[in-house]
Amino acid sequence: MVIRERQVDRESIMGAIICICIVIIALSVASIRFFDVKVTNIKLVDAGLYTVITKNGPTNIRQDDILRIERTFTKGAITGTPVEQDRIYTTKGFIFISSLDSFYKTGVQLINSVDFDGNLVWIKSDKNAATESVENWNQLLKDNLRSVQPFSYAIGTPSKTVTLVFSALALQYSALSIGGMALVILIFPIRWKKSSHPQTYGQGDHEYNASGETSEAVAK
């Protein structure tokens, strides 16, 4: 009974932790969606100067502001329409564009203004020409990805809410980690049991001795 009660307590605690993490994840996702800023249009103003229009107003982007470009292969949407998605990291936030957007051609023009080769991942660095091995290039990609993390918020996001966005993201990642650990513990419980083999062997020896003494007495 004691072991069964301990199992129920463990399951209850892990279940409560998982439920709390699910609620936190849901709230963080809702918060991120609430603070998200949608791009409504991209316009070419001058050579090398683009204006990104959001619901919070326009933001000017120059070629020097672009830090990283991530292209994706053509994917099929739910409707079966082929879709291309690109992400542009800038010093003023990132821009997410899709081939379904009306301003996609202008966004591609902005990408091509710095990425002439159409690389899957383009980074702003003077070391591109000096990269001689795959290891150096991979390290360069990791370093660049870390450098653009402070700008991982939608362009047009007010500076006052940037901290809230990162706090919601950190809370979401923490809830995912804790909830995942609780789920693993719930599915694969770790149980410690005391070995009863020495006691069994002792009882066997006792029974063997008793039967041996009985046999000797009968023989006598």
N, C-alpha and C. Protein backbone atom coordinates (compact mmCIF):
# COMPACT_ATOMS: atom_id res chain seq x y z
N MET A 1 0.82 -1.21 0.00
CA MET A 1 0.00 0.00 0.00
C MET A 1 0.86 1.26 0.00
N VAL A 2 1.96 1.22 0.75
CA VAL A 2 2.83 2.40 0.82
C VAL A 2 3.42 2.72 -0.54
N ILE A 3 3.87 1.67 -1.25
CA ILE A 3 4.46 1.88 -2.58
C ILE A 3 3.41 2.42 -3.53
N ARG A 4 2.19 1.93 -3.46
CA ARG A 4 1.13 2.40 -4.34
C ARG A 4 0.81 3.86 -4.07
N GLU A 5 0.74 4.27 -2.80
CA GLU A 5 0.47 5.66 -2.46
C GLU A 5 1.57 6.58 -2.98
N ARG A 6 2.81 6.14 -2.90
CA ARG A 6 3.92 6.94 -3.42
C ARG A 6 3.81 7.10 -4.93
N GLN A 7 3.40 6.08 -5.64
CA GLN A 7 3.24 6.17 -7.08
C GLN A 7 2.13 7.15 -7.44
N VAL A 8 1.02 7.13 -6.70
CA VAL A 8 -0.07 8.06 -6.96
C VAL A 8 0.38 9.49 -6.72
N ASP A 9 1.14 9.72 -5.66
CA ASP A 9 1.64 11.05 -5.36
C ASP A 9 2.57 11.54 -6.47
N ARG A 10 3.45 10.67 -6.94
CA ARG A 10 4.37 11.07 -8.01
C ARG A 10 3.61 11.41 -9.28
N GLU A 11 2.62 10.58 -9.64
CA GLU A 11 1.84 10.83 -10.84
C GLU A 11 1.05 12.12 -10.71
N SER A 12 0.51 12.39 -9.53
CA SER A 12 -0.26 13.62 -9.33
C SER A 12 0.63 14.85 -9.46
N ILE A 13 1.82 14.78 -8.87
CA ILE A 13 2.73 15.93 -8.94
C ILE A 13 3.17 16.17 -10.37
N MET A 14 3.57 15.12 -11.07
CA MET A 14 4.01 15.29 -12.46
C MET A 14 2.87 15.77 -13.35
N GLY A 15 1.68 15.24 -13.11
CA GLY A 15 0.53 15.70 -13.89
C GLY A 15 0.21 17.17 -13.65
N ALA A 16 0.32 17.60 -12.40
CA ALA A 16 0.08 19.02 -12.09
C ALA A 16 1.12 19.91 -12.74
N ILE A 17 2.40 19.46 -12.72
CA ILE A 17 3.46 20.24 -13.35
C ILE A 17 3.22 20.36 -14.86
N ILE A 18 2.82 19.26 -15.49
CA ILE A 18 2.56 19.29 -16.93
C ILE A 18 1.40 20.22 -17.26
N CYS A 19 0.34 20.18 -16.46
CA CYS A 19 -0.81 21.07 -16.69
C CYS A 19 -0.41 22.53 -16.54
N ILE A 20 0.39 22.83 -15.52
CA ILE A 20 0.85 24.21 -15.32
C ILE A 20 1.70 24.67 -16.50
N CYS A 21 2.58 23.78 -16.98
CA CYS A 21 3.43 24.14 -18.13
C CYS A 21 2.61 24.37 -19.38
N ILE A 22 1.56 23.58 -19.58
CA ILE A 22 0.70 23.77 -20.74
C ILE A 22 0.00 25.12 -20.68
N VAL A 23 -0.46 25.50 -19.50
CA VAL A 23 -1.10 26.81 -19.34
C VAL A 23 -0.11 27.94 -19.60
N ILE A 24 1.11 27.80 -19.08
CA ILE A 24 2.14 28.83 -19.30
C ILE A 24 2.48 28.94 -20.78
N ILE A 25 2.61 27.80 -21.47
CA ILE A 25 2.92 27.82 -22.90
C ILE A 25 1.80 28.50 -23.68
N ALA A 26 0.55 28.18 -23.33
CA ALA A 26 -0.58 28.80 -24.02
C ALA A 26 -0.61 30.31 -23.80
N LEU A 27 -0.35 30.74 -22.58
CA LEU A 27 -0.34 32.18 -22.29
C LEU A 27 0.81 32.89 -23.01
N SER A 28 1.98 32.24 -23.05
CA SER A 28 3.13 32.85 -23.73
C SER A 28 2.89 32.95 -25.24
N VAL A 29 2.28 31.92 -25.82
CA VAL A 29 1.97 31.97 -27.26
C VAL A 29 0.96 33.08 -27.54
N ALA A 30 -0.05 33.19 -26.68
CA ALA A 30 -1.03 34.26 -26.86
C ALA A 30 -0.38 35.64 -26.72
N SER A 31 0.56 35.76 -25.79
CA SER A 31 1.25 37.04 -25.61
C SER A 31 2.09 37.39 -26.82
N ILE A 32 2.81 36.40 -27.35
CA ILE A 32 3.64 36.65 -28.53
C ILE A 32 2.78 37.03 -29.73
N ARG A 33 1.64 36.35 -29.88
CA ARG A 33 0.73 36.70 -30.98
C ARG A 33 0.17 38.10 -30.81
N PHE A 34 -0.07 38.49 -29.56
CA PHE A 34 -0.61 39.82 -29.29
C PHE A 34 0.42 40.90 -29.62
N PHE A 35 1.69 40.66 -29.30
CA PHE A 35 2.73 41.65 -29.56
C PHE A 35 3.29 41.57 -30.99
N ASP A 36 2.87 40.55 -31.75
CA ASP A 36 3.40 40.39 -33.10
C ASP A 36 2.94 41.54 -34.00
N VAL A 37 3.85 41.96 -34.87
CA VAL A 37 3.57 43.06 -35.79
C VAL A 37 3.64 42.53 -37.21
N LYS A 38 2.57 42.68 -37.97
CA LYS A 38 2.50 42.17 -39.32
C LYS A 38 2.99 43.23 -40.32
N VAL A 39 3.72 42.74 -41.31
CA VAL A 39 4.16 43.61 -42.40
C VAL A 39 3.05 43.66 -43.44
N THR A 40 2.65 44.86 -43.80
CA THR A 40 1.57 45.04 -44.77
C THR A 40 2.08 45.38 -46.17
N ASN A 41 3.30 45.94 -46.25
CA ASN A 41 3.81 46.30 -47.56
C ASN A 41 5.30 46.61 -47.46
N ILE A 42 5.99 46.43 -48.58
CA ILE A 42 7.40 46.80 -48.70
C ILE A 42 7.54 47.62 -49.98
N LYS A 43 8.13 48.79 -49.87
CA LYS A 43 8.26 49.68 -51.02
C LYS A 43 9.72 50.05 -51.25
N LEU A 44 10.07 50.16 -52.51
CA LEU A 44 11.40 50.61 -52.88
C LEU A 44 11.38 52.14 -52.97
N VAL A 45 12.16 52.79 -52.13
CA VAL A 45 12.20 54.25 -52.10
C VAL A 45 13.29 54.77 -53.00
N ASP A 46 14.48 54.23 -52.83
CA ASP A 46 15.63 54.66 -53.62
C ASP A 46 16.57 53.48 -53.76
N ALA A 47 17.62 53.65 -54.51
CA ALA A 47 18.59 52.57 -54.68
C ALA A 47 19.17 52.18 -53.32
N GLY A 48 18.90 50.95 -52.91
CA GLY A 48 19.41 50.46 -51.63
C GLY A 48 18.59 50.89 -50.43
N LEU A 49 17.47 51.59 -50.62
CA LEU A 49 16.64 52.04 -49.51
C LEU A 49 15.21 51.53 -49.71
N TYR A 50 14.72 50.79 -48.72
CA TYR A 50 13.37 50.23 -48.76
C TYR A 50 12.60 50.68 -47.52
N THR A 51 11.30 50.77 -47.66
CA THR A 51 10.43 51.13 -46.55
C THR A 51 9.50 49.95 -46.25
N VAL A 52 9.59 49.45 -45.03
CA VAL A 52 8.73 48.35 -44.57
C VAL A 52 7.58 48.97 -43.79
N ILE A 53 6.37 48.74 -44.26
CA ILE A 53 5.18 49.35 -43.65
C ILE A 53 4.48 48.31 -42.78
N THR A 54 4.25 48.66 -41.54
CA THR A 54 3.53 47.82 -40.59
C THR A 54 2.37 48.62 -40.01
N LYS A 55 1.60 47.96 -39.14
CA LYS A 55 0.47 48.66 -38.52
C LYS A 55 0.94 49.73 -37.54
N ASN A 56 2.21 49.65 -37.13
CA ASN A 56 2.77 50.66 -36.23
C ASN A 56 3.50 51.78 -36.97
N GLY A 57 3.46 51.73 -38.30
CA GLY A 57 4.10 52.78 -39.07
C GLY A 57 5.22 52.25 -39.94
N PRO A 58 5.82 53.10 -40.77
CA PRO A 58 6.89 52.66 -41.68
C PRO A 58 8.25 52.60 -40.99
N THR A 59 9.11 51.72 -41.51
CA THR A 59 10.48 51.59 -41.04
C THR A 59 11.39 51.50 -42.25
N ASN A 60 12.38 52.36 -42.31
CA ASN A 60 13.31 52.38 -43.44
C ASN A 60 14.41 51.35 -43.23
N ILE A 61 14.72 50.61 -44.29
CA ILE A 61 15.74 49.58 -44.25
C ILE A 61 16.72 49.82 -45.39
N ARG A 62 17.99 49.85 -45.04
CA ARG A 62 19.05 49.95 -46.04
C ARG A 62 19.77 48.61 -46.15
N GLN A 63 20.57 48.50 -47.18
CA GLN A 63 21.30 47.26 -47.39
C GLN A 63 22.26 46.97 -46.25
N ASP A 64 22.83 48.01 -45.66
CA ASP A 64 23.76 47.81 -44.54
C ASP A 64 23.06 47.34 -43.27
N ASP A 65 21.73 47.48 -43.20
CA ASP A 65 20.99 47.04 -42.02
C ASP A 65 20.72 45.55 -42.03
N ILE A 66 20.88 44.89 -43.16
CA ILE A 66 20.59 43.47 -43.28
C ILE A 66 21.75 42.66 -42.71
N LEU A 67 21.44 41.74 -41.78
CA LEU A 67 22.45 40.93 -41.11
C LEU A 67 22.44 39.48 -41.56
N ARG A 68 21.27 38.96 -41.86
CA ARG A 68 21.16 37.53 -42.20
C ARG A 68 19.90 37.31 -43.02
N ILE A 69 19.98 36.39 -43.97
CA ILE A 69 18.83 36.03 -44.81
C ILE A 69 18.70 34.51 -44.81
N GLU A 70 17.53 34.02 -44.55
CA GLU A 70 17.26 32.59 -44.54
C GLU A 70 16.18 32.29 -45.57
N ARG A 71 16.54 31.50 -46.57
CA ARG A 71 15.59 31.08 -47.58
C ARG A 71 15.12 29.66 -47.29
N THR A 72 13.92 29.33 -47.70
CA THR A 72 13.40 27.98 -47.56
C THR A 72 13.05 27.43 -48.94
N PHE A 73 13.11 26.11 -49.04
CA PHE A 73 12.70 25.47 -50.29
C PHE A 73 11.19 25.62 -50.47
N THR A 74 10.74 25.52 -51.70
CA THR A 74 9.32 25.64 -51.99
C THR A 74 8.57 24.51 -51.30
N LYS A 75 7.55 24.87 -50.53
CA LYS A 75 6.76 23.90 -49.79
C LYS A 75 5.31 24.00 -50.23
N GLY A 76 4.58 22.91 -50.06
CA GLY A 76 3.17 22.90 -50.39
C GLY A 76 2.34 23.31 -49.20
N ALA A 77 1.47 24.30 -49.39
CA ALA A 77 0.60 24.75 -48.32
C ALA A 77 -0.56 23.76 -48.13
N ILE A 78 -1.44 24.06 -47.19
CA ILE A 78 -2.59 23.18 -46.94
C ILE A 78 -3.48 23.10 -48.17
N THR A 79 -3.58 24.20 -48.91
CA THR A 79 -4.39 24.22 -50.12
C THR A 79 -3.71 23.58 -51.31
N GLY A 80 -2.45 23.17 -51.15
CA GLY A 80 -1.71 22.57 -52.25
C GLY A 80 -0.92 23.57 -53.07
N THR A 81 -1.02 24.85 -52.72
CA THR A 81 -0.29 25.89 -53.46
C THR A 81 1.17 25.91 -53.02
N PRO A 82 2.12 25.91 -53.95
CA PRO A 82 3.53 26.00 -53.56
C PRO A 82 3.83 27.34 -52.92
N VAL A 83 4.53 27.30 -51.78
CA VAL A 83 4.80 28.50 -51.01
C VAL A 83 6.29 28.58 -50.73
N GLU A 84 6.83 29.78 -50.87
CA GLU A 84 8.21 30.07 -50.49
C GLU A 84 8.21 31.05 -49.33
N GLN A 85 9.04 30.78 -48.34
CA GLN A 85 9.10 31.62 -47.15
C GLN A 85 10.53 32.04 -46.89
N ASP A 86 10.71 33.31 -46.64
CA ASP A 86 12.04 33.86 -46.38
C ASP A 86 12.00 34.72 -45.12
N ARG A 87 13.14 34.71 -44.42
CA ARG A 87 13.26 35.52 -43.21
C ARG A 87 14.49 36.40 -43.35
N ILE A 88 14.29 37.68 -43.08
CA ILE A 88 15.36 38.67 -43.20
C ILE A 88 15.61 39.29 -41.82
N TYR A 89 16.80 39.07 -41.29
CA TYR A 89 17.20 39.69 -40.02
C TYR A 89 17.87 41.02 -40.30
N THR A 90 17.40 42.05 -39.63
CA THR A 90 18.00 43.38 -39.76
C THR A 90 18.29 43.95 -38.38
N THR A 91 18.96 45.08 -38.36
CA THR A 91 19.25 45.74 -37.09
C THR A 91 18.01 46.37 -36.46
N LYS A 92 16.88 46.31 -37.16
CA LYS A 92 15.63 46.89 -36.65
C LYS A 92 14.55 45.82 -36.47
N GLY A 93 14.98 44.56 -36.44
CA GLY A 93 14.05 43.46 -36.30
C GLY A 93 14.05 42.59 -37.54
N PHE A 94 13.33 41.48 -37.50
CA PHE A 94 13.32 40.58 -38.65
C PHE A 94 12.03 40.77 -39.45
N ILE A 95 12.13 40.41 -40.74
CA ILE A 95 11.01 40.50 -41.67
C ILE A 95 10.72 39.09 -42.18
N PHE A 96 9.48 38.67 -42.07
CA PHE A 96 9.07 37.35 -42.56
C PHE A 96 8.16 37.57 -43.76
N ILE A 97 8.57 37.03 -44.90
CA ILE A 97 7.78 37.21 -46.12
C ILE A 97 7.45 35.84 -46.70
N SER A 98 6.31 35.77 -47.35
CA SER A 98 5.84 34.54 -47.99
C SER A 98 5.44 34.86 -49.42
N SER A 99 5.53 33.85 -50.27
CA SER A 99 5.15 34.05 -51.67
C SER A 99 3.67 34.35 -51.83
N LEU A 100 2.88 34.14 -50.78
CA LEU A 100 1.47 34.47 -50.82
C LEU A 100 1.21 35.94 -50.54
N ASP A 101 2.22 36.66 -50.07
CA ASP A 101 2.08 38.09 -49.78
C ASP A 101 2.10 38.89 -51.08
N SER A 102 1.35 39.98 -51.09
CA SER A 102 1.30 40.83 -52.28
C SER A 102 2.61 41.58 -52.52
N PHE A 103 3.39 41.76 -51.47
CA PHE A 103 4.66 42.49 -51.57
C PHE A 103 5.86 41.55 -51.66
N TYR A 104 5.61 40.28 -52.01
CA TYR A 104 6.69 39.30 -52.02
C TYR A 104 7.76 39.66 -53.05
N LYS A 105 7.38 40.13 -54.21
CA LYS A 105 8.36 40.46 -55.25
C LYS A 105 9.30 41.56 -54.79
N THR A 106 8.77 42.55 -54.09
CA THR A 106 9.63 43.61 -53.57
C THR A 106 10.54 43.08 -52.48
N GLY A 107 10.03 42.15 -51.66
CA GLY A 107 10.86 41.54 -50.64
C GLY A 107 12.00 40.74 -51.24
N VAL A 108 11.71 40.01 -52.32
CA VAL A 108 12.76 39.25 -53.01
C VAL A 108 13.77 40.21 -53.63
N GLN A 109 13.28 41.34 -54.12
CA GLN A 109 14.20 42.35 -54.67
C GLN A 109 15.13 42.88 -53.59
N LEU A 110 14.60 43.05 -52.39
CA LEU A 110 15.43 43.48 -51.26
C LEU A 110 16.48 42.42 -50.93
N ILE A 111 16.09 41.16 -50.97
CA ILE A 111 17.04 40.07 -50.69
C ILE A 111 18.12 40.01 -51.76
N ASN A 112 17.71 40.09 -53.01
CA ASN A 112 18.67 39.99 -54.11
C ASN A 112 19.61 41.18 -54.19
N SER A 113 19.25 42.28 -53.55
CA SER A 113 20.13 43.45 -53.58
C SER A 113 21.42 43.22 -52.80
N VAL A 114 21.41 42.22 -51.89
CA VAL A 114 22.62 41.91 -51.12
C VAL A 114 23.10 40.49 -51.38
N ASP A 115 22.18 39.60 -51.68
CA ASP A 115 22.52 38.20 -51.94
C ASP A 115 22.40 37.94 -53.44
N PHE A 116 23.51 38.08 -54.13
CA PHE A 116 23.48 37.95 -55.59
C PHE A 116 23.47 36.49 -56.03
N ASP A 117 23.93 35.57 -55.18
CA ASP A 117 24.05 34.16 -55.55
C ASP A 117 22.82 33.34 -55.19
N GLY A 118 21.90 33.89 -54.41
CA GLY A 118 20.72 33.13 -54.01
C GLY A 118 21.02 32.02 -53.05
N ASN A 119 21.89 32.28 -52.07
CA ASN A 119 22.27 31.26 -51.09
C ASN A 119 21.10 30.91 -50.18
N LEU A 120 21.12 29.67 -49.68
CA LEU A 120 20.09 29.26 -48.74
C LEU A 120 20.16 30.08 -47.46
N VAL A 121 21.38 30.35 -47.01
CA VAL A 121 21.61 31.22 -45.85
C VAL A 121 22.68 32.23 -46.25
N TRP A 122 22.33 33.50 -46.14
CA TRP A 122 23.28 34.57 -46.42
C TRP A 122 23.55 35.33 -45.13
N ILE A 123 24.81 35.64 -44.88
CA ILE A 123 25.18 36.39 -43.69
C ILE A 123 26.05 37.57 -44.08
N LYS A 124 25.95 38.61 -43.31
CA LYS A 124 26.77 39.79 -43.54
C LYS A 124 28.10 39.61 -42.83
N SER A 125 29.14 39.39 -43.61
CA SER A 125 30.45 39.17 -43.03
C SER A 125 31.50 39.40 -44.10
N ASP A 126 32.63 39.92 -43.68
CA ASP A 126 33.76 40.12 -44.59
C ASP A 126 34.58 38.85 -44.75
N LYS A 127 34.19 37.78 -44.00
CA LYS A 127 34.96 36.54 -44.03
C LYS A 127 34.43 35.55 -45.05
N ASN A 128 33.41 35.94 -45.80
CA ASN A 128 32.82 35.00 -46.76
C ASN A 128 33.85 34.51 -47.77
N ALA A 129 34.62 35.45 -48.29
CA ALA A 129 35.61 35.07 -49.31
C ALA A 129 36.78 34.30 -48.69
N ALA A 130 37.02 34.52 -47.40
CA ALA A 130 38.17 33.87 -46.74
C ALA A 130 37.83 32.50 -46.20
N THR A 131 36.56 32.10 -46.26
CA THR A 131 36.17 30.79 -45.75
C THR A 131 36.65 29.70 -46.70
N GLU A 132 37.47 28.80 -46.20
CA GLU A 132 38.07 27.77 -47.06
C GLU A 132 37.55 26.37 -46.77
N SER A 133 36.92 26.14 -45.65
CA SER A 133 36.47 24.80 -45.30
C SER A 133 35.04 24.85 -44.79
N VAL A 134 34.42 23.68 -44.79
CA VAL A 134 33.06 23.58 -44.30
C VAL A 134 32.98 23.88 -42.81
N GLU A 135 34.01 23.45 -42.05
CA GLU A 135 34.02 23.70 -40.61
C GLU A 135 34.04 25.19 -40.31
N ASN A 136 34.88 25.93 -41.04
CA ASN A 136 34.94 27.37 -40.82
C ASN A 136 33.62 28.04 -41.17
N TRP A 137 33.01 27.57 -42.26
CA TRP A 137 31.74 28.16 -42.67
C TRP A 137 30.63 27.86 -41.65
N ASN A 138 30.59 26.65 -41.13
CA ASN A 138 29.59 26.30 -40.12
C ASN A 138 29.79 27.11 -38.85
N GLN A 139 31.04 27.31 -38.45
CA GLN A 139 31.31 28.12 -37.28
C GLN A 139 30.90 29.56 -37.51
N LEU A 140 31.10 30.03 -38.74
CA LEU A 140 30.71 31.39 -39.09
C LEU A 140 29.20 31.56 -39.03
N LEU A 141 28.48 30.53 -39.47
CA LEU A 141 27.02 30.56 -39.40
C LEU A 141 26.53 30.60 -37.95
N LYS A 142 27.16 29.81 -37.09
CA LYS A 142 26.77 29.79 -35.67
C LYS A 142 27.04 31.15 -35.01
N ASP A 143 28.20 31.72 -35.32
CA ASP A 143 28.53 33.01 -34.74
C ASP A 143 27.55 34.09 -35.21
N ASN A 144 27.20 34.02 -36.50
CA ASN A 144 26.27 35.01 -37.02
C ASN A 144 24.88 34.82 -36.44
N LEU A 145 24.46 33.57 -36.23
CA LEU A 145 23.15 33.33 -35.65
C LEU A 145 23.06 33.85 -34.23
N ARG A 146 24.15 33.71 -33.48
CA ARG A 146 24.16 34.27 -32.12
C ARG A 146 24.14 35.79 -32.15
N SER A 147 24.78 36.38 -33.15
CA SER A 147 24.84 37.84 -33.22
C SER A 147 23.50 38.47 -33.58
N VAL A 148 22.62 37.71 -34.26
CA VAL A 148 21.32 38.27 -34.66
C VAL A 148 20.22 37.94 -33.65
N GLN A 149 20.53 37.16 -32.62
CA GLN A 149 19.52 36.82 -31.62
C GLN A 149 18.92 38.05 -30.95
N PRO A 150 19.70 39.08 -30.64
CA PRO A 150 19.07 40.27 -30.03
C PRO A 150 18.07 40.97 -30.93
N PHE A 151 18.02 40.63 -32.22
CA PHE A 151 17.09 41.26 -33.16
C PHE A 151 15.99 40.29 -33.59
N SER A 152 15.74 39.27 -32.78
CA SER A 152 14.73 38.26 -33.12
C SER A 152 13.34 38.70 -32.68
N TYR A 153 12.93 39.83 -33.15
CA TYR A 153 11.58 40.33 -32.92
C TYR A 153 11.09 40.96 -34.23
N ALA A 154 9.79 41.00 -34.42
CA ALA A 154 9.22 41.50 -35.66
C ALA A 154 9.55 42.98 -35.84
N ILE A 155 9.89 43.34 -37.06
CA ILE A 155 10.20 44.73 -37.34
C ILE A 155 8.95 45.58 -37.10
N GLY A 156 9.15 46.76 -36.54
CA GLY A 156 8.03 47.62 -36.18
C GLY A 156 7.56 47.45 -34.76
N THR A 157 8.15 46.51 -34.02
CA THR A 157 7.78 46.31 -32.62
C THR A 157 8.29 47.47 -31.78
N PRO A 158 7.45 48.11 -30.97
CA PRO A 158 7.92 49.21 -30.13
C PRO A 158 9.01 48.75 -29.17
N SER A 159 9.95 49.63 -28.91
CA SER A 159 11.08 49.29 -28.05
C SER A 159 10.64 48.91 -26.63
N LYS A 160 9.51 49.43 -26.19
CA LYS A 160 9.04 49.14 -24.84
C LYS A 160 8.54 47.70 -24.71
N THR A 161 8.07 47.13 -25.80
CA THR A 161 7.51 45.79 -25.75
C THR A 161 8.51 44.70 -26.17
N VAL A 162 9.70 45.10 -26.63
CA VAL A 162 10.70 44.11 -27.03
C VAL A 162 11.09 43.24 -25.84
N THR A 163 11.27 43.86 -24.67
CA THR A 163 11.62 43.11 -23.46
C THR A 163 10.51 42.12 -23.10
N LEU A 164 9.26 42.52 -23.27
CA LEU A 164 8.15 41.63 -22.96
C LEU A 164 8.12 40.43 -23.91
N VAL A 165 8.45 40.68 -25.18
CA VAL A 165 8.48 39.59 -26.15
C VAL A 165 9.53 38.56 -25.78
N PHE A 166 10.74 39.03 -25.45
CA PHE A 166 11.81 38.10 -25.07
C PHE A 166 11.48 37.39 -23.75
N SER A 167 10.80 38.08 -22.83
CA SER A 167 10.40 37.43 -21.58
C SER A 167 9.40 36.32 -21.84
N ALA A 168 8.45 36.57 -22.74
CA ALA A 168 7.47 35.53 -23.08
C ALA A 168 8.14 34.35 -23.75
N LEU A 169 9.12 34.62 -24.61
CA LEU A 169 9.85 33.53 -25.27
C LEU A 169 10.64 32.71 -24.25
N ALA A 170 11.33 33.39 -23.32
CA ALA A 170 12.10 32.68 -22.29
C ALA A 170 11.18 31.85 -21.41
N LEU A 171 10.02 32.39 -21.07
CA LEU A 171 9.05 31.66 -20.25
C LEU A 171 8.53 30.44 -21.00
N GLN A 172 8.33 30.58 -22.29
CA GLN A 172 7.85 29.46 -23.10
C GLN A 172 8.89 28.35 -23.18
N TYR A 173 10.14 28.72 -23.41
CA TYR A 173 11.21 27.72 -23.49
C TYR A 173 11.38 27.00 -22.15
N SER A 174 11.30 27.74 -21.05
CA SER A 174 11.43 27.13 -19.73
C SER A 174 10.29 26.15 -19.46
N ALA A 175 9.07 26.55 -19.82
CA ALA A 175 7.91 25.67 -19.61
C ALA A 175 8.03 24.41 -20.46
N LEU A 176 8.52 24.54 -21.68
CA LEU A 176 8.71 23.37 -22.53
C LEU A 176 9.74 22.41 -21.93
N SER A 177 10.83 22.96 -21.39
CA SER A 177 11.86 22.11 -20.81
C SER A 177 11.36 21.40 -19.56
N ILE A 178 10.74 22.15 -18.66
CA ILE A 178 10.25 21.55 -17.42
C ILE A 178 9.14 20.55 -17.70
N GLY A 179 8.22 20.92 -18.58
CA GLY A 179 7.13 20.00 -18.92
C GLY A 179 7.63 18.73 -19.60
N GLY A 180 8.64 18.87 -20.45
CA GLY A 180 9.21 17.68 -21.09
C GLY A 180 9.86 16.75 -20.09
N MET A 181 10.61 17.32 -19.13
CA MET A 181 11.22 16.49 -18.10
C MET A 181 10.17 15.80 -17.24
N ALA A 182 9.10 16.52 -16.89
CA ALA A 182 8.03 15.92 -16.09
C ALA A 182 7.34 14.80 -16.86
N LEU A 183 7.17 14.98 -18.16
CA LEU A 183 6.53 13.94 -18.97
C LEU A 183 7.41 12.69 -19.06
N VAL A 184 8.72 12.89 -19.18
CA VAL A 184 9.62 11.74 -19.22
C VAL A 184 9.59 10.98 -17.90
N ILE A 185 9.59 11.71 -16.79
CA ILE A 185 9.53 11.06 -15.48
C ILE A 185 8.21 10.32 -15.30
N LEU A 186 7.13 10.90 -15.84
CA LEU A 186 5.82 10.26 -15.71
C LEU A 186 5.72 8.99 -16.54
N ILE A 187 6.31 9.01 -17.74
CA ILE A 187 6.23 7.84 -18.62
C ILE A 187 7.23 6.76 -18.20
N PHE A 188 8.44 7.20 -17.85
CA PHE A 188 9.49 6.25 -17.47
C PHE A 188 9.88 6.50 -16.01
N PRO A 189 9.09 6.01 -15.06
CA PRO A 189 9.40 6.26 -13.64
C PRO A 189 10.64 5.51 -13.21
N ILE A 190 11.37 6.12 -12.31
CA ILE A 190 12.58 5.50 -11.75
C ILE A 190 12.22 4.97 -10.37
N ARG A 191 12.28 3.68 -10.23
CA ARG A 191 11.89 3.05 -8.97
C ARG A 191 13.09 2.32 -8.39
N TRP A 192 13.32 2.52 -7.12
CA TRP A 192 14.42 1.86 -6.42
C TRP A 192 13.83 0.82 -5.48
N LYS A 193 14.22 -0.41 -5.65
CA LYS A 193 13.74 -1.49 -4.80
C LYS A 193 14.92 -2.18 -4.13
N LYS A 194 14.72 -2.55 -2.91
CA LYS A 194 15.76 -3.27 -2.18
C LYS A 194 15.79 -4.72 -2.64
N SER A 195 16.97 -5.19 -2.88
CA SER A 195 17.11 -6.57 -3.34
C SER A 195 16.79 -7.53 -2.19
N SER A 196 15.99 -8.52 -2.52
CA SER A 196 15.59 -9.50 -1.51
C SER A 196 16.31 -10.83 -1.69
N HIS A 197 17.33 -10.85 -2.57
CA HIS A 197 18.02 -12.11 -2.82
C HIS A 197 18.78 -12.62 -1.60
N PRO A 198 19.50 -11.77 -0.86
CA PRO A 198 20.22 -12.32 0.31
C PRO A 198 19.29 -12.96 1.32
N GLN A 199 18.08 -12.34 1.51
CA GLN A 199 17.14 -12.91 2.45
C GLN A 199 16.60 -14.25 1.94
N THR A 200 16.39 -14.33 0.64
CA THR A 200 15.90 -15.58 0.05
C THR A 200 16.92 -16.69 0.20
N TYR A 201 18.17 -16.33 -0.08
CA TYR A 201 19.22 -17.32 0.08
C TYR A 201 19.31 -17.78 1.53
N GLY A 202 19.15 -16.87 2.49
CA GLY A 202 19.23 -17.24 3.90
C GLY A 202 18.13 -18.20 4.28
N GLN A 203 16.88 -17.92 3.74
CA GLN A 203 15.78 -18.81 4.04
C GLN A 203 16.00 -20.18 3.42
N GLY A 204 16.58 -20.20 2.23
CA GLY A 204 16.85 -21.48 1.57
C GLY A 204 17.85 -22.29 2.34
N ASP A 205 18.90 -21.63 2.82
CA ASP A 205 19.91 -22.34 3.60
C ASP A 205 19.32 -22.89 4.89
N HIS A 206 18.42 -22.09 5.50
CA HIS A 206 17.81 -22.53 6.74
C HIS A 206 16.95 -23.77 6.50
N GLU A 207 16.17 -23.71 5.40
CA GLU A 207 15.33 -24.86 5.10
C GLU A 207 16.18 -26.08 4.76
N TYR A 208 17.30 -25.84 4.05
CA TYR A 208 18.17 -26.96 3.69
C TYR A 208 18.78 -27.59 4.93
N ASN A 209 19.20 -26.74 5.89
CA ASN A 209 19.79 -27.25 7.13
C ASN A 209 18.76 -28.03 7.93
N ALA A 210 17.55 -27.47 7.99
CA ALA A 210 16.51 -28.16 8.76
C ALA A 210 16.20 -29.52 8.16
N SER A 211 16.07 -29.58 6.83
CA SER A 211 15.77 -30.87 6.19
C SER A 211 16.95 -31.82 6.34
N GLY A 212 18.17 -31.30 6.32
CA GLY A 212 19.35 -32.14 6.49
C GLY A 212 19.41 -32.73 7.87
N GLU A 213 19.09 -31.92 8.89
CA GLU A 213 19.09 -32.44 10.24
C GLU A 213 18.01 -33.52 10.42
N THR A 214 16.88 -33.30 9.78
CA THR A 214 15.80 -34.29 9.88
C THR A 214 16.20 -35.60 9.25
N SER A 215 16.85 -35.52 8.10
CA SER A 215 17.28 -36.74 7.42
C SER A 215 18.31 -37.49 8.26
N GLU A 216 19.22 -36.72 8.88
CA GLU A 216 20.23 -37.36 9.73
C GLU A 216 19.58 -38.05 10.94
N ALA A 217 18.56 -37.38 11.50
CA ALA A 217 17.88 -37.98 12.67
C ALA A 217 17.16 -39.27 12.28
N VAL A 218 16.55 -39.27 11.11
CA VAL A 218 15.85 -40.47 10.67
C VAL A 218 16.85 -41.58 10.40
N ALA A 219 17.99 -41.20 9.84
CA ALA A 219 18.99 -42.24 9.52
C ALA A 219 19.52 -42.87 10.78
N LYS A 220 19.66 -42.06 11.83
CA LYS A 220 20.14 -42.61 13.08
C LYS A 220 19.08 -43.51 13.70
